[in-house]
Amino acid sequence: MADFRLSEVDQKILDTVIAVGNSTERHTRYYEDHEDEIPPARLEGERGFEEVLPMFGERKPDDTPMMTFMMALSIARGSARGVTRGLGLGMPTGRAAGLGNAALQSAGTADQKAKWGSLFLAMSITEPGVGSDTKAIQTTARLDGDEWVLNGDKIFVTDGVRSDGAIVWATIDKSAGRAGIKSFLVLKGAPGFELVRKEKKMGIRSSDTAAYAFRDCRIPRDSLLGGDETVPKGGGSASYRGVMKTFNMTRPAVASGGVSKARGALDFAIEELAKEGVSVDWSKSPGQRSAVEQKLVELEADTEAAALTVLHASWLSDMRQPNNLESSICKAKGGEVCRTIPQGAMEVLGGMSISHDHVVEKFLRDGRISDIYEGTGQIQRLIIAREILGYSSEELT
């Protein structure tokens, strides 16, 4: 049976992560308002995550499974109010891993993982005319001798500016639909690969988002992820299916981001209201509480429920069990509370909540993306319905 209670060591790690994250709170607004500036290696008053890393050595084999714990860590880190920093735990080099790294680990060959595993890789799927319907991808890849030639445009590439390269989805046979879609690793500097722009966004401004253009972009033949050049009849290719499975790993991570913003907004509201003498008396019944107290109880319950869906999907992954349904459930729920919880926090706080002087409105803006990328909430609900009812994507669209 899954047990998500944290050990004393794990709780100490989470508490320290929040404290470290909050240490740069006074710099947050500056770097949000000056999003083109990259924060220096150390900010005034910043506590570095290096004080967190040794604590992992105190963890015992019977502590929380690693992916489950990393999702709890993500929720804790994202609820902090400081300048967004990575923990650098995702890769052997200590650098944070991008979405493309998950695809490489899921679908790459042993040689590809050894060759590119230390790089920071983005995931490049979305196109100007293609969002959730990935089988409609228009970017093409044509084999020319020992090179693939890519042509097309990609948008909304998370970490696309800072990354070393990207896993790019392209079709080698448009007539084959999803069966013709393959994934290619394209490194920065490849001839014909252009970083068009860095997007300006409503939220998550410290996370760069890029647009790419591929114009007769030439990459080595072994850049095809998984190495399978065949186009199967019916269904998706092994490469397509392999990278799609990546989402079972990354959707809990995206959901954890949504839950973290909900958690951060709620914690802020609780702290501010406590200063005014408003706090929840858990011994009272709903009818004995004030409207504001009851609202806080409901927000707390919904936030906790969303966190548990993330931990459950992650725990299944740790146990090497299928989690396609659970990953979509947590993504849908995380994408819901990233909107509803900050909005509820703003309602109980009143006019102060919209002020740029307070972070609650930032949590609302930053969290909103969690319902959109890695598959929108609507798409997740379709996947959930198909899984429960036993329908194919052709039968339930």
Protein backbone atom coordinates (compact mmCIF):
# COMPACT_ATOMS: atom_id res chain seq x y z
CA MET A 1 0.00 0.00 0.00
CA ALA A 2 1.29 3.47 -0.86
CA ASP A 3 2.30 5.52 2.17
CA PHE A 4 3.20 9.14 1.50
CA ARG A 5 4.07 10.10 5.05
CA LEU A 6 7.54 11.62 5.07
CA SER A 7 10.37 10.45 7.28
CA GLU A 8 12.04 12.90 9.64
CA VAL A 9 15.00 13.25 7.25
CA ASP A 10 12.77 13.82 4.23
CA GLN A 11 10.75 16.47 6.07
CA LYS A 12 13.96 18.22 7.11
CA ILE A 13 15.05 18.32 3.47
CA LEU A 14 11.73 19.83 2.36
CA ASP A 15 11.79 22.45 5.13
CA THR A 16 15.33 23.44 4.16
CA VAL A 17 14.41 23.65 0.48
CA ILE A 18 11.60 26.08 1.30
CA ALA A 19 13.89 28.15 3.53
CA VAL A 20 16.55 28.30 0.82
CA GLY A 21 13.94 29.22 -1.77
CA ASN A 22 12.53 31.99 0.41
CA SER A 23 15.99 33.47 1.05
CA THR A 24 15.84 35.42 -2.23
CA GLU A 25 12.25 36.64 -1.83
CA ARG A 26 13.23 40.32 -1.92
CA HIS A 27 14.85 39.82 -5.35
CA THR A 28 11.86 38.08 -6.91
CA ARG A 29 10.09 41.12 -8.28
CA TYR A 30 13.25 42.58 -9.78
CA TYR A 31 14.01 39.54 -11.91
CA GLU A 32 10.39 39.16 -12.91
CA ASP A 33 10.28 42.78 -14.07
CA HIS A 34 13.70 42.40 -15.75
CA GLU A 35 13.17 38.99 -17.27
CA ASP A 36 15.90 39.48 -19.88
CA GLU A 37 18.52 39.59 -17.11
CA ILE A 38 19.98 36.33 -15.88
CA PRO A 39 20.46 36.26 -12.09
CA PRO A 40 24.11 36.02 -10.97
CA ALA A 41 25.54 32.89 -9.43
CA ARG A 42 24.74 34.24 -5.96
CA LEU A 43 22.24 36.88 -4.88
CA GLU A 44 22.57 39.05 -1.80
CA GLY A 45 21.23 37.11 1.16
CA GLU A 46 20.82 33.90 -0.83
CA ARG A 47 21.21 30.53 0.83
CA GLY A 48 22.53 28.06 -1.73
CA PHE A 49 21.08 24.64 -2.43
CA GLU A 50 24.47 23.14 -1.65
CA GLU A 51 23.31 22.98 1.97
CA VAL A 52 20.49 20.68 0.84
CA LEU A 53 22.53 18.16 -1.13
CA PRO A 54 24.42 16.54 1.81
CA MET A 55 21.08 15.77 3.46
CA PHE A 56 20.35 13.26 0.72
CA GLY A 57 23.16 11.15 2.14
CA GLU A 58 21.14 10.81 5.36
CA ARG A 59 18.24 9.16 3.54
CA LYS A 60 17.76 5.45 4.16
CA PRO A 61 16.53 2.78 1.70
CA ASP A 62 13.12 2.68 3.38
CA ASP A 63 12.59 6.44 3.04
CA THR A 64 10.19 7.81 0.44
CA PRO A 65 10.93 6.34 -3.05
CA MET A 66 13.07 8.76 -5.05
CA MET A 67 10.68 9.94 -7.79
CA THR A 68 7.87 10.30 -5.27
CA PHE A 69 10.17 12.29 -3.01
CA MET A 70 11.37 14.46 -5.90
CA MET A 71 7.77 15.40 -6.64
CA ALA A 72 7.24 16.34 -3.00
CA LEU A 73 10.46 18.33 -3.29
CA SER A 74 9.17 20.05 -6.43
CA ILE A 75 5.98 21.07 -4.65
CA ALA A 76 7.97 22.45 -1.73
CA ARG A 77 10.44 24.31 -3.96
CA GLY A 78 7.77 25.83 -6.18
CA SER A 79 5.81 27.13 -3.20
CA ALA A 80 8.78 29.25 -2.11
CA ARG A 81 8.75 32.97 -2.86
CA GLY A 82 12.30 33.54 -4.01
CA VAL A 83 13.97 33.71 -7.40
CA THR A 84 13.45 30.37 -9.11
CA ARG A 85 16.54 28.19 -8.85
CA GLY A 86 17.04 24.53 -9.74
CA LEU A 87 18.36 21.95 -7.33
CA GLY A 88 20.66 20.47 -9.96
CA LEU A 89 19.85 16.93 -8.93
CA GLY A 90 18.62 15.61 -12.23
CA MET A 91 21.87 14.82 -13.99
CA PRO A 92 25.30 13.31 -13.24
CA THR A 93 26.92 16.68 -13.96
CA GLY A 94 24.75 18.35 -11.32
CA ARG A 95 22.91 20.36 -13.98
CA ALA A 96 19.14 20.39 -14.05
CA ALA A 97 17.49 18.11 -16.59
CA GLY A 98 15.14 19.43 -19.26
CA LEU A 99 12.07 17.72 -20.69
CA GLY A 100 14.18 16.42 -23.55
CA ASN A 101 16.33 14.48 -21.10
CA ALA A 102 13.32 12.43 -20.04
CA ALA A 103 12.66 11.62 -23.70
CA LEU A 104 16.28 10.58 -24.22
CA GLN A 105 16.16 8.29 -21.20
CA SER A 106 12.82 6.82 -22.29
CA ALA A 107 13.40 6.28 -26.01
CA GLY A 108 17.13 6.65 -26.69
CA THR A 109 19.55 3.83 -27.38
CA ALA A 110 22.31 2.97 -24.91
CA ASP A 111 24.85 4.71 -27.16
CA GLN A 112 22.68 7.84 -27.42
CA LYS A 113 22.23 8.03 -23.65
CA ALA A 114 25.98 7.67 -23.15
CA LYS A 115 26.75 10.29 -25.81
CA TRP A 116 24.17 12.96 -24.88
CA GLY A 117 23.14 12.09 -21.34
CA SER A 118 25.14 14.91 -19.76
CA LEU A 119 23.53 17.62 -21.92
CA PHE A 120 20.63 19.88 -20.99
CA LEU A 121 17.90 19.08 -23.54
CA ALA A 122 14.61 20.82 -24.28
CA MET A 123 11.55 19.20 -25.88
CA SER A 124 10.34 20.75 -29.13
CA ILE A 125 6.90 19.54 -30.23
CA THR A 126 4.42 22.43 -30.58
CA GLU A 127 4.13 24.25 -33.91
CA PRO A 128 2.28 27.42 -34.97
CA GLY A 129 -0.57 25.29 -36.33
CA VAL A 130 -0.19 22.21 -34.13
CA GLY A 131 -0.84 22.07 -30.39
CA SER A 132 -2.45 19.11 -28.66
CA ASP A 133 -2.95 17.09 -31.86
CA THR A 134 0.63 15.87 -32.15
CA LYS A 135 -0.12 13.55 -35.06
CA ALA A 136 -0.67 16.67 -37.21
CA ILE A 137 2.97 17.78 -36.94
CA GLN A 138 4.20 19.46 -40.13
CA THR A 139 7.95 19.68 -39.51
CA THR A 140 9.61 17.21 -41.86
CA ALA A 141 12.77 15.13 -41.74
CA ARG A 142 14.24 13.78 -44.98
CA LEU A 143 17.12 11.32 -45.14
CA ASP A 144 19.91 12.53 -47.42
CA GLY A 145 22.84 10.14 -47.37
CA ASP A 146 24.11 9.95 -43.81
CA GLU A 147 22.23 13.07 -42.69
CA TRP A 148 18.66 14.02 -41.83
CA VAL A 149 17.43 17.31 -43.25
CA LEU A 150 14.80 19.06 -41.11
CA ASN A 151 12.41 21.80 -42.22
CA GLY A 152 9.74 23.46 -40.11
CA ASP A 153 8.94 25.83 -37.26
CA LYS A 154 8.55 25.14 -33.55
CA ILE A 155 7.17 27.36 -30.78
CA PHE A 156 6.83 27.37 -26.99
CA VAL A 157 10.00 25.38 -26.37
CA THR A 158 10.54 25.34 -22.60
CA ASP A 159 14.18 26.12 -21.69
CA GLY A 160 14.83 26.46 -25.42
CA VAL A 161 17.24 29.37 -24.98
CA ARG A 162 19.44 27.91 -22.25
CA SER A 163 19.45 24.30 -23.39
CA ASP A 164 22.30 22.63 -25.29
CA GLY A 165 19.81 21.28 -27.82
CA ALA A 166 16.35 19.81 -28.16
CA ILE A 167 14.45 16.64 -28.91
CA VAL A 168 12.54 17.71 -32.04
CA TRP A 169 9.43 15.92 -33.30
CA ALA A 170 9.21 15.68 -37.08
CA THR A 171 7.56 13.43 -39.64
CA ILE A 172 9.43 11.34 -42.15
CA ASP A 173 6.16 10.43 -43.93
CA LYS A 174 3.17 12.79 -43.68
CA SER A 175 0.85 10.26 -45.30
CA ALA A 176 1.49 7.83 -42.43
CA GLY A 177 0.08 10.13 -39.72
CA ARG A 178 1.50 9.43 -36.26
CA ALA A 179 3.30 6.35 -37.60
CA GLY A 180 5.63 8.67 -39.51
CA ILE A 181 6.52 10.85 -36.56
CA LYS A 182 10.03 10.47 -35.17
CA SER A 183 12.12 12.26 -32.57
CA PHE A 184 15.49 13.76 -33.41
CA LEU A 185 18.16 15.20 -31.16
CA VAL A 186 19.28 18.53 -32.61
CA LEU A 187 22.16 20.36 -30.96
CA LYS A 188 22.63 24.11 -30.92
CA GLY A 189 24.94 25.13 -33.73
CA ALA A 190 23.62 22.61 -36.24
CA PRO A 191 23.57 24.23 -39.70
CA GLY A 192 20.08 25.52 -40.47
CA PHE A 193 18.95 25.57 -36.82
CA GLU A 194 17.87 29.08 -35.77
CA LEU A 195 16.79 30.31 -32.35
CA VAL A 196 14.18 32.81 -33.55
CA ARG A 197 13.20 34.51 -30.29
CA LYS A 198 12.63 34.27 -26.58
CA GLU A 199 8.94 34.60 -25.77
CA LYS A 200 7.56 37.21 -23.35
CA LYS A 201 4.98 35.59 -21.11
CA MET A 202 2.32 36.32 -18.51
CA GLY A 203 3.99 34.08 -15.95
CA ILE A 204 6.99 31.80 -15.26
CA ARG A 205 9.16 34.57 -16.63
CA SER A 206 12.33 33.15 -15.15
CA SER A 207 11.83 30.04 -17.30
CA ASP A 208 12.83 30.88 -20.86
CA THR A 209 10.53 29.83 -23.70
CA ALA A 210 11.83 29.83 -27.28
CA ALA A 211 10.75 29.66 -30.90
CA TYR A 212 12.88 27.65 -33.35
CA ALA A 213 13.18 27.54 -37.12
CA PHE A 214 14.69 24.68 -39.11
CA ARG A 215 15.72 25.53 -42.66
CA ASP A 216 17.44 22.60 -44.37
CA CYS A 217 18.88 21.81 -40.95
CA ARG A 218 21.35 18.96 -41.27
CA ILE A 219 22.01 16.53 -38.42
CA PRO A 220 23.84 13.16 -38.32
CA ARG A 221 21.87 10.03 -39.16
CA ASP A 222 22.35 8.66 -35.63
CA SER A 223 20.44 11.65 -34.22
CA LEU A 224 17.17 9.75 -34.70
CA LEU A 225 16.08 8.85 -31.16
CA GLY A 226 15.94 5.09 -30.80
CA GLY A 227 17.43 4.58 -34.26
CA ASP A 228 14.30 3.01 -35.83
CA GLU A 229 13.84 4.46 -39.34
CA THR A 230 10.91 2.25 -40.34
CA VAL A 231 7.34 3.50 -40.74
CA PRO A 232 4.96 0.87 -39.31
CA LYS A 233 1.53 0.28 -40.75
CA GLY A 234 -1.13 1.55 -38.36
CA GLY A 235 -0.50 3.16 -34.97
CA GLY A 236 2.48 5.21 -33.94
CA SER A 237 6.10 4.35 -34.50
CA ALA A 238 8.20 2.90 -31.70
CA SER A 239 9.93 6.27 -31.43
CA TYR A 240 6.57 8.06 -31.17
CA ARG A 241 5.25 5.63 -28.58
CA GLY A 242 8.48 5.74 -26.63
CA VAL A 243 8.51 9.50 -26.33
CA MET A 244 4.77 9.58 -25.56
CA LYS A 245 5.56 7.36 -22.56
CA THR A 246 7.86 10.14 -21.44
CA PHE A 247 4.76 12.09 -20.47
CA ASN A 248 3.95 9.47 -17.83
CA MET A 249 7.13 10.68 -16.13
CA THR A 250 6.93 14.39 -16.90
CA ARG A 251 3.22 15.02 -16.33
CA PRO A 252 3.51 14.44 -12.57
CA ALA A 253 6.40 16.91 -12.58
CA VAL A 254 4.31 19.52 -14.42
CA ALA A 255 1.38 18.83 -12.10
CA SER A 256 3.66 19.31 -9.10
CA GLY A 257 4.40 22.79 -10.45
CA GLY A 258 0.69 23.60 -10.46
CA VAL A 259 0.23 22.22 -6.96
CA SER A 260 3.25 24.18 -5.74
CA LYS A 261 1.76 27.48 -6.89
CA ALA A 262 -1.52 26.56 -5.21
CA ARG A 263 0.41 25.71 -2.04
CA GLY A 264 2.39 28.94 -2.16
CA ALA A 265 -0.69 31.12 -2.64
CA LEU A 266 -2.58 29.35 0.13
CA ASP A 267 0.34 29.58 2.57
CA PHE A 268 0.64 33.30 1.82
CA ALA A 269 -3.07 33.84 2.48
CA ILE A 270 -2.94 31.86 5.73
CA GLU A 271 0.04 33.87 6.99
CA GLU A 272 -1.46 37.25 6.07
CA LEU A 273 -4.83 36.45 7.61
CA ALA A 274 -3.15 35.17 10.77
CA LYS A 275 -1.62 38.64 11.18
CA GLU A 276 -5.19 39.95 11.34
CA GLY A 277 -6.22 37.35 13.89
CA VAL A 278 -7.98 35.05 11.40
CA SER A 279 -7.01 31.39 11.61
CA VAL A 280 -8.78 28.06 11.29
CA ASP A 281 -9.95 26.34 14.45
CA TRP A 282 -9.97 22.73 13.30
CA SER A 283 -11.94 21.64 16.37
CA LYS A 284 -15.01 23.56 15.19
CA SER A 285 -17.66 22.19 12.87
CA PRO A 286 -18.24 23.91 9.49
CA GLY A 287 -21.29 25.70 10.88
CA GLN A 288 -19.24 27.20 13.72
CA ARG A 289 -16.54 28.61 11.50
CA SER A 290 -16.57 31.97 9.76
CA ALA A 291 -16.96 32.05 5.98
CA VAL A 292 -13.28 32.90 5.58
CA GLU A 293 -12.19 30.06 7.88
CA GLN A 294 -14.35 27.57 6.00
CA LYS A 295 -12.97 28.80 2.69
CA LEU A 296 -9.42 28.18 3.94
CA VAL A 297 -10.40 24.65 5.01
CA GLU A 298 -11.80 23.91 1.55
CA LEU A 299 -8.73 25.35 -0.19
CA GLU A 300 -6.44 23.28 2.05
CA ALA A 301 -8.39 20.10 1.32
CA ASP A 302 -8.32 20.61 -2.45
CA THR A 303 -4.61 21.42 -2.44
CA GLU A 304 -3.85 18.29 -0.41
CA ALA A 305 -5.99 16.15 -2.73
CA ALA A 306 -4.09 17.43 -5.76
CA ALA A 307 -0.74 16.76 -4.08
CA LEU A 308 -1.78 13.18 -3.33
CA THR A 309 -2.62 12.52 -7.00
CA VAL A 310 0.90 13.67 -7.95
CA LEU A 311 2.52 11.48 -5.32
CA HIS A 312 0.41 8.48 -6.34
CA ALA A 313 1.37 8.72 -10.02
CA SER A 314 5.02 9.12 -9.03
CA TRP A 315 4.89 6.21 -6.60
CA LEU A 316 3.55 3.93 -9.34
CA SER A 317 6.52 4.96 -11.49
CA ASP A 318 8.87 4.17 -8.60
CA MET A 319 7.21 0.74 -8.30
CA ARG A 320 7.63 0.18 -12.08
CA GLN A 321 3.87 -0.06 -12.48
CA PRO A 322 1.77 1.46 -15.30
CA ASN A 323 0.69 5.01 -14.49
CA ASN A 324 -0.79 6.37 -17.71
CA LEU A 325 -4.19 6.98 -16.12
CA GLU A 326 -2.78 8.32 -12.86
CA SER A 327 -0.38 10.67 -14.67
CA SER A 328 -3.28 12.23 -16.56
CA ILE A 329 -5.38 12.44 -13.39
CA CYS A 330 -2.67 14.32 -11.52
CA LYS A 331 -1.98 16.56 -14.51
CA ALA A 332 -5.68 17.44 -14.79
CA LYS A 333 -5.98 18.04 -11.04
CA GLY A 334 -2.73 19.99 -10.78
CA GLY A 335 -3.83 22.10 -13.73
CA GLU A 336 -7.11 22.81 -11.97
CA VAL A 337 -5.81 23.84 -8.54
CA CYS A 338 -3.13 26.08 -10.07
CA ARG A 339 -6.09 28.30 -11.04
CA THR A 340 -8.69 27.73 -8.36
CA ILE A 341 -6.53 27.85 -5.23
CA PRO A 342 -4.68 31.13 -5.96
CA GLN A 343 -7.99 32.63 -7.05
CA GLY A 344 -9.59 31.48 -3.79
CA ALA A 345 -6.66 32.91 -1.85
CA MET A 346 -7.15 36.23 -3.62
CA GLU A 347 -10.84 36.21 -2.73
CA VAL A 348 -10.19 35.91 1.01
CA LEU A 349 -7.36 38.47 0.91
CA GLY A 350 -9.36 41.08 -0.95
CA GLY A 351 -7.82 44.06 -2.72
CA MET A 352 -4.27 43.50 -1.44
CA SER A 353 -4.09 40.31 -3.48
CA ILE A 354 -3.87 42.09 -6.82
CA SER A 355 -1.03 44.35 -5.73
CA HIS A 356 2.37 43.84 -7.30
CA ASP A 357 3.76 44.25 -3.78
CA HIS A 358 2.45 40.81 -2.83
CA VAL A 359 3.28 37.46 -4.41
CA VAL A 360 -0.16 35.86 -4.48
CA GLU A 361 -1.01 37.27 -7.92
CA LYS A 362 2.36 35.98 -9.15
CA PHE A 363 1.44 32.48 -8.00
CA LEU A 364 -1.76 32.74 -10.07
CA ARG A 365 0.14 33.86 -13.18
CA ASP A 366 3.00 31.39 -12.76
CA GLY A 367 0.72 28.45 -12.08
CA ARG A 368 -1.60 29.00 -15.02
CA ILE A 369 0.72 27.31 -17.50
CA SER A 370 0.44 24.01 -15.60
CA ASP A 371 -2.99 23.45 -17.13
CA ILE A 372 -1.71 24.10 -20.64
CA TYR A 373 1.68 22.56 -21.41
CA GLU A 374 2.42 18.82 -21.48
CA GLY A 375 -1.17 18.28 -22.63
CA THR A 376 -4.03 20.62 -21.72
CA GLY A 377 -6.56 19.82 -19.02
CA GLN A 378 -9.13 19.03 -21.71
CA ILE A 379 -6.78 16.52 -23.34
CA GLN A 380 -6.06 14.90 -19.96
CA ARG A 381 -9.77 14.42 -19.39
CA LEU A 382 -10.05 12.73 -22.77
CA ILE A 383 -7.20 10.39 -21.88
CA ILE A 384 -8.80 9.63 -18.51
CA ALA A 385 -12.14 8.85 -20.17
CA ARG A 386 -10.48 6.58 -22.75
CA GLU A 387 -8.58 4.69 -20.05
CA ILE A 388 -11.64 4.19 -17.85
CA LEU A 389 -14.09 3.38 -20.65
CA GLY A 390 -11.66 1.37 -22.78
CA TYR A 391 -11.95 3.55 -25.89
CA SER A 392 -9.24 4.26 -28.45
CA SER A 393 -8.30 7.78 -29.50
CA GLU A 394 -10.21 7.23 -32.74
CA GLU A 395 -13.36 6.19 -30.84
CA LEU A 396 -13.27 9.07 -28.32
CA THR A 397 -11.87 12.37 -29.58
